[in-house]
């Protein structure tokens, strides 16, 4: 029997604060891509970076479709 991976889309409330890893999984891209994109981010003390789900969605919705 093979192990199945859960690939259902994740839905985050707009007020959710996400890590780089969570954003990458959510958008199905690499963490490196998330870091390279000019997404709105929250810079915390040290090198900690977080993302607001609502701000990420707003940014993506404002971009023209390819």
PDB file of N, CA and C in Angstrom:
ATOM      1  N   UNK A   1       0.844  -1.179   0.000  1.00  0.00           N
ATOM      2  CA  UNK A   1       0.000   0.000   0.000  1.00  0.00           C
ATOM      3  C   UNK A   1       0.889   1.241   0.000  1.00  0.00           C
ATOM      4  N   UNK A   2       0.648   2.160  -0.911  1.00  0.00           N
ATOM      5  CA  UNK A   2       1.474   3.365  -0.987  1.00  0.00           C
ATOM      6  C   UNK A   2       0.908   4.463  -0.087  1.00  0.00           C
ATOM      7  N   UNK A   3       1.804   5.288   0.405  1.00  0.00           N
ATOM      8  CA  UNK A   3       1.414   6.406   1.263  1.00  0.00           C
ATOM      9  C   UNK A   3       0.962   7.573   0.388  1.00  0.00           C
ATOM     10  N   UNK A   4      -0.203   8.133   0.680  1.00  0.00           N
ATOM     11  CA  UNK A   4      -0.707   9.251  -0.099  1.00  0.00           C
ATOM     12  C   UNK A   4      -0.374  10.556   0.604  1.00  0.00           C
ATOM     13  N   UNK A   5      -0.097  11.561  -0.182  1.00  0.00           N
ATOM     14  CA  UNK A   5       0.191  12.887   0.342  1.00  0.00           C
ATOM     15  C   UNK A   5      -1.063  13.735   0.222  1.00  0.00           C
ATOM     16  N   UNK A   6      -1.370  14.465   1.283  1.00  0.00           N
ATOM     17  CA  UNK A   6      -2.529  15.351   1.273  1.00  0.00           C
ATOM     18  C   UNK A   6      -2.176  16.595   0.479  1.00  0.00           C
ATOM     19  N   UNK A   7      -2.837  16.813  -0.661  1.00  0.00           N
ATOM     20  CA  UNK A   7      -2.511  17.958  -1.507  1.00  0.00           C
ATOM     21  C   UNK A   7      -3.684  18.931  -1.626  1.00  0.00           C
ATOM     22  N   UNK A   8      -4.609  18.865  -0.659  1.00  0.00           N
ATOM     23  CA  UNK A   8      -5.725  19.819  -0.681  1.00  0.00           C
ATOM     24  C   UNK A   8      -5.183  21.227  -0.490  1.00  0.00           C
ATOM     25  N   UNK A   9      -5.786  22.214  -1.148  1.00  0.00           N
ATOM     26  CA  UNK A   9      -5.336  23.592  -0.968  1.00  0.00           C
ATOM     27  C   UNK A   9      -5.563  24.048   0.470  1.00  0.00           C
ATOM     28  N   UNK A  10      -4.668  24.857   0.951  1.00  0.00           N
ATOM     29  CA  UNK A  10      -4.775  25.403   2.290  1.00  0.00           C
ATOM     30  C   UNK A  10      -5.457  26.760   2.189  1.00  0.00           C
ATOM     31  N   UNK A  11      -6.402  27.008   3.074  1.00  0.00           N
ATOM     32  CA  UNK A  11      -7.070  28.313   3.116  1.00  0.00           C
ATOM     33  C   UNK A  11      -6.745  28.946   4.469  1.00  0.00           C
ATOM     34  N   UNK A  12      -6.094  30.091   4.435  1.00  0.00           N
ATOM     35  CA  UNK A  12      -5.744  30.792   5.662  1.00  0.00           C
ATOM     36  C   UNK A  12      -6.625  32.021   5.834  1.00  0.00           C
ATOM     37  N   UNK A  13      -7.104  32.273   7.053  1.00  0.00           N
ATOM     38  CA  UNK A  13      -7.792  33.544   7.305  1.00  0.00           C
ATOM     39  C   UNK A  13      -6.816  34.695   7.052  1.00  0.00           C
ATOM     40  N   UNK A  14      -7.305  35.857   6.610  1.00  0.00           N
ATOM     41  CA  UNK A  14      -6.416  36.971   6.266  1.00  0.00           C
ATOM     42  C   UNK A  14      -5.499  37.423   7.401  1.00  0.00           C
ATOM     43  N   UNK A  15      -5.921  37.241   8.635  1.00  0.00           N
ATOM     44  CA  UNK A  15      -5.111  37.701   9.762  1.00  0.00           C
ATOM     45  C   UNK A  15      -4.011  36.718  10.179  1.00  0.00           C
ATOM     46  N   UNK A  16      -3.926  35.591   9.512  1.00  0.00           N
ATOM     47  CA  UNK A  16      -2.929  34.577   9.841  1.00  0.00           C
ATOM     48  C   UNK A  16      -1.525  35.066   9.492  1.00  0.00           C
ATOM     49  N   UNK A  17      -0.593  34.842  10.414  1.00  0.00           N
ATOM     50  CA  UNK A  17       0.818  35.169  10.202  1.00  0.00           C
ATOM     51  C   UNK A  17       1.532  33.871   9.837  1.00  0.00           C
ATOM     52  N   UNK A  18       2.259  33.898   8.715  1.00  0.00           N
ATOM     53  CA  UNK A  18       2.870  32.693   8.156  1.00  0.00           C
ATOM     54  C   UNK A  18       4.389  32.787   8.096  1.00  0.00           C
ATOM     55  N   UNK A  19       5.030  31.635   8.169  1.00  0.00           N
ATOM     56  CA  UNK A  19       6.468  31.546   7.951  1.00  0.00           C
ATOM     57  C   UNK A  19       6.744  31.450   6.456  1.00  0.00           C
ATOM     58  N   UNK A  20       7.996  31.578   6.088  1.00  0.00           N
ATOM     59  CA  UNK A  20       8.392  31.422   4.687  1.00  0.00           C
ATOM     60  C   UNK A  20       8.017  30.028   4.189  1.00  0.00           C
ATOM     61  N   UNK A  21       8.241  29.026   5.002  1.00  0.00           N
ATOM     62  CA  UNK A  21       7.912  27.648   4.624  1.00  0.00           C
ATOM     63  C   UNK A  21       6.418  27.481   4.378  1.00  0.00           C
ATOM     64  N   UNK A  22       5.584  28.071   5.231  1.00  0.00           N
ATOM     65  CA  UNK A  22       4.139  27.960   5.055  1.00  0.00           C
ATOM     66  C   UNK A  22       3.672  28.651   3.778  1.00  0.00           C
ATOM     67  N   UNK A  23       4.229  29.824   3.490  1.00  0.00           N
ATOM     68  CA  UNK A  23       3.862  30.535   2.254  1.00  0.00           C
ATOM     69  C   UNK A  23       4.275  29.717   1.039  1.00  0.00           C
ATOM     70  N   UNK A  24       5.459  29.131   1.087  1.00  0.00           N
ATOM     71  CA  UNK A  24       5.935  28.316  -0.033  1.00  0.00           C
ATOM     72  C   UNK A  24       5.007  27.129  -0.281  1.00  0.00           C
ATOM     73  N   UNK A  25       4.616  26.435   0.781  1.00  0.00           N
ATOM     74  CA  UNK A  25       3.704  25.306   0.633  1.00  0.00           C
ATOM     75  C   UNK A  25       2.345  25.770   0.122  1.00  0.00           C
ATOM     76  N   UNK A  26       1.867  26.882   0.656  1.00  0.00           N
ATOM     77  CA  UNK A  26       0.564  27.436   0.279  1.00  0.00           C
ATOM     78  C   UNK A  26       0.518  27.783  -1.208  1.00  0.00           C
ATOM     79  N   UNK A  27       1.593  28.431  -1.700  1.00  0.00           N
ATOM     80  CA  UNK A  27       1.636  28.868  -3.093  1.00  0.00           C
ATOM     81  C   UNK A  27       2.256  27.828  -4.026  1.00  0.00           C
ATOM     82  N   UNK A  28       2.697  26.721  -3.450  1.00  0.00           N
ATOM     83  CA  UNK A  28       3.305  25.612  -4.199  1.00  0.00           C
ATOM     84  C   UNK A  28       4.525  26.065  -4.986  1.00  0.00           C
ATOM     85  N   UNK A  29       5.398  26.797  -4.301  1.00  0.00           N
ATOM     86  CA  UNK A  29       6.680  27.232  -4.853  1.00  0.00           C
ATOM     87  C   UNK A  29       7.753  26.939  -3.813  1.00  0.00           C
ATOM     88  N   UNK A  30       8.994  27.139  -4.175  1.00  0.00           N
ATOM     89  CA  UNK A  30      10.075  26.898  -3.228  1.00  0.00           C
ATOM     90  C   UNK A  30      10.208  28.068  -2.247  1.00  0.00           C
ATOM     91  N   UNK A  31      10.849  27.809  -1.126  1.00  0.00           N
ATOM     92  CA  UNK A  31      11.129  28.874  -0.163  1.00  0.00           C
ATOM     93  C   UNK A  31      12.016  29.935  -0.813  1.00  0.00           C
ATOM     94  N   UNK A  32      12.904  29.503  -1.663  1.00  0.00           N
ATOM     95  CA  UNK A  32      13.788  30.443  -2.361  1.00  0.00           C
ATOM     96  C   UNK A  32      12.977  31.420  -3.222  1.00  0.00           C
ATOM     97  N   UNK A  33      11.949  30.912  -3.880  1.00  0.00           N
ATOM     98  CA  UNK A  33      11.082  31.762  -4.694  1.00  0.00           C
ATOM     99  C   UNK A  33      10.350  32.770  -3.817  1.00  0.00           C
ATOM    100  N   UNK A  34       9.822  32.311  -2.692  1.00  0.00           N
ATOM    101  CA  UNK A  34       9.127  33.222  -1.763  1.00  0.00           C
ATOM    102  C   UNK A  34      10.062  34.340  -1.336  1.00  0.00           C
ATOM    103  N   UNK A  35      11.305  33.992  -1.015  1.00  0.00           N
ATOM    104  CA  UNK A  35      12.282  34.994  -0.572  1.00  0.00           C
ATOM    105  C   UNK A  35      12.630  35.974  -1.696  1.00  0.00           C
ATOM    106  N   UNK A  36      12.581  35.510  -2.941  1.00  0.00           N
ATOM    107  CA  UNK A  36      12.949  36.361  -4.077  1.00  0.00           C
ATOM    108  C   UNK A  36      11.814  37.294  -4.500  1.00  0.00           C
ATOM    109  N   UNK A  37      10.574  36.871  -4.294  1.00  0.00           N
ATOM    110  CA  UNK A  37       9.434  37.694  -4.682  1.00  0.00           C
ATOM    111  C   UNK A  37       9.319  38.898  -3.758  1.00  0.00           C
ATOM    112  N   UNK A  38       8.842  40.017  -4.267  1.00  0.00           N
ATOM    113  CA  UNK A  38       8.682  41.210  -3.427  1.00  0.00           C
ATOM    114  C   UNK A  38       7.369  41.195  -2.637  1.00  0.00           C
ATOM    115  N   UNK A  39       7.089  40.071  -1.980  1.00  0.00           N
ATOM    116  CA  UNK A  39       5.873  39.967  -1.175  1.00  0.00           C
ATOM    117  C   UNK A  39       5.986  40.859   0.060  1.00  0.00           C
ATOM    118  N   UNK A  40       4.870  41.439   0.510  1.00  0.00           N
ATOM    119  CA  UNK A  40       4.903  42.216   1.746  1.00  0.00           C
ATOM    120  C   UNK A  40       5.289  41.287   2.899  1.00  0.00           C
ATOM    121  N   UNK A  41       6.199  41.734   3.724  1.00  0.00           N
ATOM    122  CA  UNK A  41       6.669  40.873   4.813  1.00  0.00           C
ATOM    123  C   UNK A  41       6.813  41.655   6.098  1.00  0.00           C
ATOM    124  N   UNK A  42       6.770  40.932   7.183  1.00  0.00           N
ATOM    125  CA  UNK A  42       6.969  41.506   8.505  1.00  0.00           C
ATOM    126  C   UNK A  42       8.370  41.118   8.956  1.00  0.00           C
ATOM    127  N   UNK A  43       9.218  42.102   9.178  1.00  0.00           N
ATOM    128  CA  UNK A  43      10.575  41.817   9.632  1.00  0.00           C
ATOM    129  C   UNK A  43      10.609  41.964  11.147  1.00  0.00           C
ATOM    130  N   UNK A  44      10.912  40.876  11.810  1.00  0.00           N
ATOM    131  CA  UNK A  44      10.968  40.843  13.265  1.00  0.00           C
ATOM    132  C   UNK A  44      12.422  40.879  13.720  1.00  0.00           C
ATOM    133  N   UNK A  45      12.668  41.057  15.023  1.00  0.00           N
ATOM    134  CA  UNK A  45      14.054  41.096  15.508  1.00  0.00           C
ATOM    135  C   UNK A  45      14.864  39.887  15.031  1.00  0.00           C
ATOM    136  N   UNK A  46      16.129  40.123  14.817  1.00  0.00           N
ATOM    137  CA  UNK A  46      17.005  39.085  14.275  1.00  0.00           C
ATOM    138  C   UNK A  46      16.747  38.952  12.794  1.00  0.00           C
ATOM    139  N   UNK A  47      16.772  37.749  12.307  1.00  0.00           N
ATOM    140  CA  UNK A  47      16.525  37.537  10.873  1.00  0.00           C
ATOM    141  C   UNK A  47      15.158  36.910  10.625  1.00  0.00           C
ATOM    142  N   UNK A  48      14.267  37.021  11.601  1.00  0.00           N
ATOM    143  CA  UNK A  48      12.938  36.424  11.496  1.00  0.00           C
ATOM    144  C   UNK A  48      12.054  37.224  10.551  1.00  0.00           C
ATOM    145  N   UNK A  49      11.433  36.515   9.607  1.00  0.00           N
ATOM    146  CA  UNK A  49      10.524  37.134   8.639  1.00  0.00           C
ATOM    147  C   UNK A  49       9.213  36.361   8.680  1.00  0.00           C
ATOM    148  N   UNK A  50       8.118  37.090   8.675  1.00  0.00           N
ATOM    149  CA  UNK A  50       6.789  36.483   8.627  1.00  0.00           C
ATOM    150  C   UNK A  50       5.963  37.205   7.577  1.00  0.00           C
ATOM    151  N   UNK A  51       4.885  36.559   7.163  1.00  0.00           N
ATOM    152  CA  UNK A  51       4.014  37.093   6.124  1.00  0.00           C
ATOM    153  C   UNK A  51       2.578  37.088   6.627  1.00  0.00           C
ATOM    154  N   UNK A  52       1.833  38.129   6.311  1.00  0.00           N
ATOM    155  CA  UNK A  52       0.407  38.177   6.600  1.00  0.00           C
ATOM    156  C   UNK A  52      -0.316  37.549   5.412  1.00  0.00           C
ATOM    157  N   UNK A  53      -1.151  36.558   5.695  1.00  0.00           N
ATOM    158  CA  UNK A  53      -1.870  35.877   4.609  1.00  0.00           C
ATOM    159  C   UNK A  53      -2.700  36.870   3.800  1.00  0.00           C
ATOM    160  N   UNK A  54      -3.341  37.811   4.462  1.00  0.00           N
ATOM    161  CA  UNK A  54      -4.151  38.801   3.759  1.00  0.00           C
ATOM    162  C   UNK A  54      -3.331  39.685   2.842  1.00  0.00           C
ATOM    163  N   UNK A  55      -2.165  40.094   3.307  1.00  0.00           N
ATOM    164  CA  UNK A  55      -1.305  40.943   2.478  1.00  0.00           C
ATOM    165  C   UNK A  55      -0.740  40.170   1.291  1.00  0.00           C
ATOM    166  N   UNK A  56      -0.416  38.901   1.502  1.00  0.00           N
ATOM    167  CA  UNK A  56       0.087  38.077   0.396  1.00  0.00           C
ATOM    168  C   UNK A  56      -1.004  37.930  -0.672  1.00  0.00           C
ATOM    169  N   UNK A  57      -2.223  37.635  -0.238  1.00  0.00           N
ATOM    170  CA  UNK A  57      -3.334  37.507  -1.196  1.00  0.00           C
ATOM    171  C   UNK A  57      -3.574  38.803  -1.943  1.00  0.00           C
ATOM    172  N   UNK A  58      -3.580  39.922  -1.226  1.00  0.00           N
ATOM    173  CA  UNK A  58      -3.803  41.217  -1.871  1.00  0.00           C
ATOM    174  C   UNK A  58      -2.725  41.505  -2.903  1.00  0.00           C
ATOM    175  N   UNK A  59      -1.489  41.188  -2.570  1.00  0.00           N
ATOM    176  CA  UNK A  59      -0.383  41.389  -3.504  1.00  0.00           C
ATOM    177  C   UNK A  59      -0.581  40.536  -4.761  1.00  0.00           C
ATOM    178  N   UNK A  60      -0.890  39.278  -4.564  1.00  0.00           N
ATOM    179  CA  UNK A  60      -1.057  38.368  -5.701  1.00  0.00           C
ATOM    180  C   UNK A  60      -2.262  38.737  -6.555  1.00  0.00           C
ATOM    181  N   UNK A  61      -3.329  39.178  -5.951  1.00  0.00           N
ATOM    182  CA  UNK A  61      -4.517  39.553  -6.696  1.00  0.00           C
ATOM    183  C   UNK A  61      -4.298  40.848  -7.487  1.00  0.00           C
ATOM    184  N   UNK A  62      -3.351  41.656  -7.046  1.00  0.00           N
ATOM    185  CA  UNK A  62      -3.070  42.912  -7.733  1.00  0.00           C
ATOM    186  C   UNK A  62      -2.131  42.776  -8.916  1.00  0.00           C
ATOM    187  N   UNK A  63      -1.536  41.602  -9.055  1.00  0.00           N
ATOM    188  CA  UNK A  63      -0.611  41.367 -10.154  1.00  0.00           C
ATOM    189  C   UNK A  63      -1.370  40.981 -11.406  1.00  0.00           C
ATOM    190  N   UNK A  64      -0.935  41.459 -12.563  1.00  0.00           N
ATOM    191  CA  UNK A  64      -1.596  41.062 -13.813  1.00  0.00           C
ATOM    192  C   UNK A  64      -1.388  39.574 -14.090  1.00  0.00           C
ATOM    193  N   UNK A  65      -2.369  38.944 -14.683  1.00  0.00           N
ATOM    194  CA  UNK A  65      -2.278  37.521 -15.022  1.00  0.00           C
ATOM    195  C   UNK A  65      -1.265  37.335 -16.146  1.00  0.00           C
ATOM    196  N   UNK A  66      -0.524  36.243 -16.077  1.00  0.00           N
ATOM    197  CA  UNK A  66       0.486  35.956 -17.100  1.00  0.00           C
ATOM    198  C   UNK A  66      -0.148  35.362 -18.336  1.00  0.00           C
TER     199      UNK A  66
END
